[in-house]
N, C-alpha and C. Protein backbone atom coordinates (compact mmCIF):
# COMPACT_ATOMS: atom_id res chain seq x y z
N MET A 1 81.87 118.68 66.75
CA MET A 1 82.93 118.61 67.75
C MET A 1 82.39 117.87 68.98
N PRO A 2 83.16 116.89 69.52
CA PRO A 2 82.68 116.13 70.67
C PRO A 2 82.60 117.00 71.91
N ASP A 3 81.65 116.65 72.77
CA ASP A 3 81.46 117.37 74.03
C ASP A 3 82.60 117.01 74.98
N GLN A 4 83.40 118.01 75.40
CA GLN A 4 84.50 117.76 76.32
C GLN A 4 84.18 118.32 77.70
N SER A 5 82.90 118.47 78.00
CA SER A 5 82.54 118.98 79.31
C SER A 5 82.84 117.93 80.37
N VAL A 6 83.01 118.37 81.57
CA VAL A 6 83.32 117.47 82.67
C VAL A 6 82.01 117.03 83.30
N PRO A 7 81.65 115.75 83.19
CA PRO A 7 80.36 115.30 83.66
C PRO A 7 80.23 115.14 85.16
N SER A 8 81.32 115.05 85.91
CA SER A 8 81.19 114.90 87.35
C SER A 8 82.44 115.44 88.03
N PRO A 9 82.39 115.68 89.36
CA PRO A 9 83.56 116.17 90.06
C PRO A 9 84.67 115.14 90.18
N ASN A 10 84.46 113.89 89.75
CA ASN A 10 85.49 112.87 89.81
C ASN A 10 86.39 112.90 88.58
N PHE A 11 86.35 113.98 87.82
CA PHE A 11 87.20 114.13 86.66
C PHE A 11 88.18 115.25 86.93
N PHE A 12 89.36 115.18 86.33
CA PHE A 12 90.31 116.26 86.43
C PHE A 12 90.96 116.47 85.08
N SER A 13 91.52 117.63 84.88
CA SER A 13 92.18 117.93 83.61
C SER A 13 93.48 117.16 83.50
N ALA A 14 93.72 116.58 82.36
CA ALA A 14 94.92 115.79 82.16
C ALA A 14 96.13 116.65 81.87
N GLY A 15 95.96 117.97 81.76
CA GLY A 15 97.08 118.82 81.44
C GLY A 15 97.46 118.72 79.97
N PHE A 16 96.56 118.24 79.16
CA PHE A 16 96.85 118.00 77.74
C PHE A 16 95.64 118.46 76.95
N GLY A 17 95.53 119.77 76.77
CA GLY A 17 94.42 120.31 76.00
C GLY A 17 93.08 120.21 76.69
N ASP A 18 93.06 120.15 78.02
CA ASP A 18 91.83 120.08 78.80
C ASP A 18 90.94 118.90 78.43
N ILE A 19 91.55 117.80 78.01
CA ILE A 19 90.78 116.57 77.79
C ILE A 19 90.54 115.95 79.15
N PRO A 20 89.28 115.70 79.54
CA PRO A 20 89.03 115.16 80.87
C PRO A 20 89.51 113.72 80.99
N VAL A 21 90.07 113.39 82.16
CA VAL A 21 90.50 112.05 82.47
C VAL A 21 89.83 111.67 83.78
N GLN A 22 89.21 110.51 83.82
CA GLN A 22 88.48 110.12 85.02
C GLN A 22 89.44 109.71 86.12
N ASP A 23 89.19 110.18 87.32
CA ASP A 23 89.95 109.83 88.50
C ASP A 23 89.36 108.54 89.06
N MET A 24 90.10 107.45 88.96
CA MET A 24 89.57 106.15 89.35
C MET A 24 89.86 105.79 90.81
N ARG A 25 90.72 106.55 91.49
CA ARG A 25 91.04 106.20 92.86
C ARG A 25 89.89 106.55 93.79
N LYS A 26 89.58 105.62 94.68
CA LYS A 26 88.50 105.81 95.64
C LYS A 26 89.03 106.37 96.97
N GLU A 27 90.30 106.11 97.27
CA GLU A 27 90.88 106.57 98.53
C GLU A 27 91.31 108.03 98.43
N SER A 28 91.51 108.63 99.58
CA SER A 28 92.00 110.01 99.63
C SER A 28 93.39 110.09 99.04
N ARG A 29 93.67 111.23 98.40
CA ARG A 29 94.99 111.49 97.86
C ARG A 29 95.76 112.36 98.86
N TYR A 30 97.07 112.18 98.83
CA TYR A 30 97.95 112.95 99.70
C TYR A 30 99.05 113.55 98.84
N LEU A 31 99.28 114.84 99.01
CA LEU A 31 100.32 115.52 98.24
C LEU A 31 101.68 115.16 98.84
N VAL A 32 102.60 114.74 97.99
CA VAL A 32 103.94 114.35 98.43
C VAL A 32 104.96 114.85 97.43
N ASN A 33 106.21 114.71 97.76
CA ASN A 33 107.31 114.98 96.83
C ASN A 33 108.36 113.91 97.10
N TRP A 34 108.01 112.65 96.74
CA TRP A 34 108.83 111.50 97.04
C TRP A 34 109.51 110.98 95.80
N ARG A 35 110.74 110.51 95.95
CA ARG A 35 111.46 109.89 94.83
C ARG A 35 110.86 108.52 94.54
N VAL A 36 110.81 108.20 93.24
CA VAL A 36 110.23 106.94 92.79
C VAL A 36 111.12 106.36 91.70
N ALA A 37 111.29 105.05 91.70
CA ALA A 37 111.96 104.36 90.60
C ALA A 37 110.95 103.38 89.99
N ILE A 38 110.89 103.37 88.68
CA ILE A 38 110.04 102.43 87.94
C ILE A 38 110.97 101.41 87.30
N VAL A 39 110.75 100.13 87.57
CA VAL A 39 111.64 99.08 87.08
C VAL A 39 110.85 98.10 86.21
N TYR A 40 111.38 97.88 85.02
CA TYR A 40 110.85 96.84 84.14
C TYR A 40 111.70 95.59 84.38
N SER A 41 111.27 94.72 85.26
CA SER A 41 112.07 93.56 85.64
C SER A 41 111.91 92.38 84.69
N GLU A 42 110.92 92.43 83.81
CA GLU A 42 110.68 91.31 82.91
C GLU A 42 111.35 91.50 81.56
N THR A 43 112.27 92.46 81.45
CA THR A 43 113.02 92.65 80.21
C THR A 43 114.44 92.16 80.42
N GLU A 44 115.14 91.88 79.34
CA GLU A 44 116.52 91.39 79.44
C GLU A 44 117.42 92.41 80.13
N GLU A 45 117.21 93.68 79.83
CA GLU A 45 118.11 94.73 80.33
C GLU A 45 117.73 95.26 81.71
N ARG A 46 116.56 94.88 82.22
CA ARG A 46 116.05 95.39 83.50
C ARG A 46 116.09 96.92 83.50
N LEU A 47 115.33 97.51 82.62
CA LEU A 47 115.27 98.97 82.48
C LEU A 47 114.69 99.61 83.73
N SER A 48 115.19 100.80 84.06
CA SER A 48 114.62 101.54 85.18
C SER A 48 114.57 103.02 84.84
N PHE A 49 113.60 103.69 85.41
CA PHE A 49 113.38 105.12 85.20
C PHE A 49 113.16 105.77 86.54
N ARG A 50 113.56 107.02 86.66
CA ARG A 50 113.39 107.77 87.91
C ARG A 50 112.33 108.85 87.72
N GLY A 51 111.68 109.20 88.81
CA GLY A 51 110.69 110.26 88.78
C GLY A 51 110.39 110.71 90.20
N ARG A 52 109.38 111.60 90.32
CA ARG A 52 108.96 112.09 91.63
C ARG A 52 107.45 111.96 91.73
N ALA A 53 107.01 111.27 92.78
CA ALA A 53 105.59 111.17 93.05
C ALA A 53 105.11 112.51 93.58
N PHE A 54 103.99 113.01 93.05
CA PHE A 54 103.46 114.26 93.58
C PHE A 54 102.13 114.08 94.27
N ASP A 55 101.47 112.96 94.05
CA ASP A 55 100.33 112.61 94.90
C ASP A 55 100.23 111.10 94.97
N ILE A 56 99.69 110.63 96.10
CA ILE A 56 99.64 109.18 96.34
C ILE A 56 98.39 108.85 97.14
N SER A 57 97.89 107.66 96.93
CA SER A 57 96.81 107.10 97.75
C SER A 57 97.19 105.65 98.02
N ALA A 58 96.35 104.93 98.73
CA ALA A 58 96.64 103.53 99.02
C ALA A 58 96.55 102.66 97.77
N SER A 59 95.96 103.18 96.69
CA SER A 59 95.78 102.37 95.48
C SER A 59 96.62 102.81 94.29
N GLY A 60 97.35 103.93 94.41
CA GLY A 60 98.16 104.36 93.28
C GLY A 60 98.82 105.70 93.53
N LEU A 61 99.55 106.15 92.50
CA LEU A 61 100.22 107.43 92.61
C LEU A 61 100.31 108.08 91.24
N SER A 62 100.58 109.37 91.25
CA SER A 62 100.88 110.13 90.03
C SER A 62 102.31 110.61 90.17
N LEU A 63 103.04 110.54 89.07
CA LEU A 63 104.43 110.97 89.14
C LEU A 63 104.80 111.78 87.91
N HIS A 64 105.84 112.58 88.07
CA HIS A 64 106.44 113.32 86.97
C HIS A 64 107.77 112.66 86.64
N SER A 65 108.03 112.45 85.35
CA SER A 65 109.33 111.92 84.92
C SER A 65 109.63 112.43 83.51
N ASP A 66 110.82 112.16 83.06
CA ASP A 66 111.22 112.56 81.71
C ASP A 66 110.82 111.51 80.68
N PHE A 67 110.15 110.45 81.09
CA PHE A 67 109.85 109.33 80.21
C PHE A 67 108.36 109.10 80.04
N SER A 68 107.95 108.77 78.84
CA SER A 68 106.57 108.39 78.54
C SER A 68 106.48 106.87 78.66
N LEU A 69 105.75 106.40 79.63
CA LEU A 69 105.62 104.96 79.85
C LEU A 69 104.34 104.46 79.18
N PRO A 70 104.42 103.36 78.43
CA PRO A 70 103.24 102.85 77.74
C PRO A 70 102.15 102.40 78.71
N VAL A 71 100.91 102.74 78.39
CA VAL A 71 99.75 102.36 79.19
C VAL A 71 99.64 100.84 79.24
N SER A 72 99.24 100.32 80.38
CA SER A 72 99.06 98.90 80.67
C SER A 72 100.35 98.15 80.92
N ASP A 73 101.50 98.80 80.84
CA ASP A 73 102.75 98.12 81.16
C ASP A 73 102.73 97.69 82.62
N ARG A 74 103.28 96.52 82.87
CA ARG A 74 103.45 96.01 84.24
C ARG A 74 104.85 96.40 84.69
N VAL A 75 104.95 97.03 85.84
CA VAL A 75 106.22 97.54 86.34
C VAL A 75 106.32 97.29 87.83
N THR A 76 107.53 97.39 88.35
CA THR A 76 107.74 97.39 89.79
C THR A 76 108.07 98.83 90.17
N VAL A 77 107.38 99.33 91.17
CA VAL A 77 107.59 100.69 91.63
C VAL A 77 108.29 100.64 92.99
N LEU A 78 109.38 101.38 93.10
CA LEU A 78 110.09 101.53 94.37
C LEU A 78 109.84 102.96 94.86
N ILE A 79 109.17 103.10 95.98
CA ILE A 79 108.81 104.40 96.53
C ILE A 79 109.74 104.69 97.71
N SER A 80 110.45 105.81 97.64
CA SER A 80 111.35 106.22 98.71
C SER A 80 110.63 107.23 99.59
N ILE A 81 110.25 106.80 100.78
CA ILE A 81 109.53 107.67 101.71
C ILE A 81 110.55 108.30 102.65
N PRO A 82 110.64 109.64 102.63
CA PRO A 82 111.64 110.31 103.47
C PRO A 82 111.47 109.97 104.94
N PRO A 83 112.58 109.97 105.69
CA PRO A 83 112.50 109.67 107.13
C PRO A 83 111.74 110.76 107.87
N SER A 84 111.15 110.37 108.98
CA SER A 84 110.38 111.34 109.77
C SER A 84 111.28 112.18 110.68
N SER A 85 112.52 111.73 110.89
CA SER A 85 113.44 112.54 111.71
C SER A 85 114.87 112.35 111.21
N ALA A 86 115.71 113.31 111.56
CA ALA A 86 117.11 113.31 111.11
C ALA A 86 117.83 112.06 111.60
N GLY A 87 118.74 111.57 110.78
CA GLY A 87 119.52 110.41 111.15
C GLY A 87 118.91 109.08 110.75
N GLN A 88 117.67 109.10 110.33
CA GLN A 88 117.01 107.86 109.89
C GLN A 88 117.17 107.70 108.38
N ARG A 89 117.01 106.50 107.91
CA ARG A 89 117.08 106.20 106.48
C ARG A 89 115.68 106.27 105.88
N PRO A 90 115.58 106.57 104.58
CA PRO A 90 114.27 106.53 103.93
C PRO A 90 113.71 105.11 103.94
N LYS A 91 112.40 105.00 103.97
CA LYS A 91 111.74 103.70 103.88
C LYS A 91 111.45 103.45 102.40
N ILE A 92 111.80 102.26 101.92
CA ILE A 92 111.56 101.91 100.52
C ILE A 92 110.44 100.88 100.46
N LEU A 93 109.37 101.22 99.75
CA LEU A 93 108.27 100.29 99.53
C LEU A 93 108.36 99.78 98.09
N GLU A 94 108.15 98.48 97.91
CA GLU A 94 108.19 97.87 96.59
C GLU A 94 106.78 97.39 96.24
N VAL A 95 106.31 97.80 95.05
CA VAL A 95 104.94 97.48 94.66
C VAL A 95 104.89 97.06 93.19
N LYS A 96 104.34 95.88 92.91
CA LYS A 96 104.03 95.50 91.54
C LYS A 96 102.86 96.38 91.11
N SER A 97 102.96 96.99 89.93
CA SER A 97 101.99 98.01 89.54
C SER A 97 101.70 97.95 88.05
N ARG A 98 100.77 98.81 87.64
CA ARG A 98 100.37 98.91 86.24
C ARG A 98 100.29 100.38 85.87
N VAL A 99 100.81 100.72 84.68
CA VAL A 99 100.71 102.10 84.18
C VAL A 99 99.29 102.32 83.68
N VAL A 100 98.62 103.36 84.18
CA VAL A 100 97.23 103.64 83.82
C VAL A 100 97.16 104.72 82.74
N TYR A 101 97.99 105.75 82.84
CA TYR A 101 98.00 106.80 81.83
C TYR A 101 99.36 107.48 81.82
N THR A 102 99.70 108.08 80.70
CA THR A 102 100.85 108.96 80.59
C THR A 102 100.46 110.12 79.69
N VAL A 103 100.64 111.34 80.18
CA VAL A 103 100.34 112.53 79.39
C VAL A 103 101.50 113.51 79.53
N LEU A 104 101.66 114.33 78.51
CA LEU A 104 102.67 115.38 78.56
C LEU A 104 102.13 116.51 79.43
N SER A 105 102.89 116.90 80.43
CA SER A 105 102.50 117.98 81.32
C SER A 105 103.24 119.24 80.88
N SER A 106 102.55 120.10 80.17
CA SER A 106 103.18 121.32 79.67
C SER A 106 103.62 122.24 80.82
N GLU A 107 102.96 122.12 81.96
CA GLU A 107 103.29 122.94 83.12
C GLU A 107 104.72 122.67 83.61
N PHE A 108 105.15 121.42 83.54
CA PHE A 108 106.45 121.04 84.07
C PHE A 108 107.42 120.55 83.00
N ASN A 109 107.00 120.50 81.74
CA ASN A 109 107.81 119.97 80.64
C ASN A 109 108.29 118.55 80.93
N THR A 110 107.44 117.75 81.54
CA THR A 110 107.72 116.35 81.83
C THR A 110 106.46 115.55 81.51
N PHE A 111 106.56 114.26 81.67
CA PHE A 111 105.38 113.41 81.51
C PHE A 111 104.78 113.16 82.89
N ARG A 112 103.45 113.18 82.94
CA ARG A 112 102.73 112.82 84.14
C ARG A 112 102.18 111.43 83.93
N THR A 113 102.49 110.53 84.83
CA THR A 113 102.11 109.13 84.69
C THR A 113 101.29 108.69 85.89
N GLY A 114 100.20 108.01 85.62
CA GLY A 114 99.38 107.43 86.68
C GLY A 114 99.70 105.96 86.84
N ILE A 115 99.92 105.55 88.07
CA ILE A 115 100.30 104.18 88.40
C ILE A 115 99.26 103.59 89.33
N GLN A 116 98.78 102.39 89.01
CA GLN A 116 97.85 101.67 89.88
C GLN A 116 98.62 100.56 90.59
N PHE A 117 98.53 100.53 91.92
CA PHE A 117 99.20 99.49 92.69
C PHE A 117 98.44 98.18 92.54
N VAL A 118 99.20 97.09 92.35
CA VAL A 118 98.59 95.77 92.19
C VAL A 118 98.93 94.87 93.37
N ASP A 119 100.23 94.79 93.74
CA ASP A 119 100.64 93.86 94.79
C ASP A 119 101.85 94.41 95.53
N PHE A 120 101.65 94.72 96.81
CA PHE A 120 102.73 95.24 97.66
C PHE A 120 103.60 94.09 98.15
N LYS A 121 104.90 94.35 98.28
CA LYS A 121 105.81 93.37 98.86
C LYS A 121 105.69 93.45 100.38
N ASN A 122 105.66 92.30 101.02
CA ASN A 122 105.59 92.19 102.48
C ASN A 122 104.43 93.01 103.04
N GLU A 123 104.70 93.83 104.03
CA GLU A 123 103.68 94.64 104.71
C GLU A 123 103.60 96.05 104.14
N GLY A 124 103.98 96.23 102.88
CA GLY A 124 104.06 97.55 102.27
C GLY A 124 102.77 98.34 102.29
N LYS A 125 101.64 97.68 102.02
CA LYS A 125 100.36 98.40 101.99
C LYS A 125 100.00 98.91 103.38
N THR A 126 100.18 98.08 104.37
CA THR A 126 99.91 98.49 105.76
C THR A 126 100.81 99.65 106.16
N GLN A 127 102.10 99.56 105.81
CA GLN A 127 103.04 100.63 106.14
C GLN A 127 102.66 101.93 105.45
N LEU A 128 102.28 101.86 104.17
CA LEU A 128 101.87 103.07 103.45
C LEU A 128 100.64 103.69 104.09
N LYS A 129 99.65 102.87 104.42
CA LYS A 129 98.43 103.39 105.06
C LYS A 129 98.75 104.06 106.39
N GLN A 130 99.67 103.49 107.17
CA GLN A 130 100.05 104.09 108.45
C GLN A 130 100.74 105.44 108.24
N ILE A 131 101.61 105.52 107.25
CA ILE A 131 102.31 106.77 106.96
C ILE A 131 101.32 107.84 106.50
N LEU A 132 100.39 107.45 105.62
CA LEU A 132 99.41 108.41 105.10
C LEU A 132 98.41 108.84 106.16
N ALA A 133 98.12 107.98 107.13
CA ALA A 133 97.15 108.31 108.18
C ALA A 133 97.59 109.52 109.00
N GLY A 134 98.89 109.78 109.04
CA GLY A 134 99.40 110.92 109.80
C GLY A 134 99.46 112.21 108.98
N ARG A 135 98.92 112.19 107.77
CA ARG A 135 98.97 113.35 106.88
C ARG A 135 97.56 113.87 106.63
N VAL A 136 97.50 115.10 106.15
CA VAL A 136 96.20 115.70 105.80
C VAL A 136 95.93 115.41 104.32
N PRO A 137 94.75 114.86 103.99
CA PRO A 137 94.43 114.59 102.58
C PRO A 137 94.41 115.87 101.75
N ALA A 138 94.74 115.71 100.48
CA ALA A 138 94.70 116.85 99.56
C ALA A 138 93.25 117.27 99.35
N PRO A 139 93.01 118.56 99.15
CA PRO A 139 91.63 119.01 98.87
C PRO A 139 91.17 118.44 97.54
N VAL A 140 89.90 118.15 97.45
CA VAL A 140 89.31 117.61 96.23
C VAL A 140 88.86 118.79 95.37
N ALA A 141 89.38 118.85 94.15
CA ALA A 141 89.00 119.93 93.24
C ALA A 141 87.64 119.63 92.64
N VAL A 142 86.78 120.61 92.67
CA VAL A 142 85.46 120.49 92.07
C VAL A 142 85.34 121.56 91.00
N LYS A 143 85.09 121.12 89.78
CA LYS A 143 84.98 122.07 88.67
C LYS A 143 83.64 122.81 88.79
N PRO A 144 83.66 124.15 88.71
CA PRO A 144 82.41 124.90 88.81
C PRO A 144 81.48 124.56 87.66
N GLU A 145 80.20 124.59 87.94
CA GLU A 145 79.19 124.25 86.93
C GLU A 145 78.97 125.39 85.98
């Protein structure tokens, strides 16, 4: 039987039989509950899927959705950032991205998908960094030895 031990604190459980998945993001993660749309713009039908981002960094996000997205797919991600005060509209960031992983999350009966940001539209990356700078980073889970 292969060794499924976690070799470093940069690994987390994929929620799929405790198979370790390496966390590739170098930036701090921030816990969110933001609406996200995934758009396949290079298909004839321009398919789109909805989900909710539950953590985000400047280089990617994890989301829950009802759909299993194929790894390595190129997609456009539309992130709806809630307004900071009443009466304002949500800010929408558009990012060309790549699907890094999709696993079934038994905890939520949905798929958990990892998205890597490739190219932000306009000043999207700067805007995201400014929004995240005002938040407290999520604690880093360290698996006990």
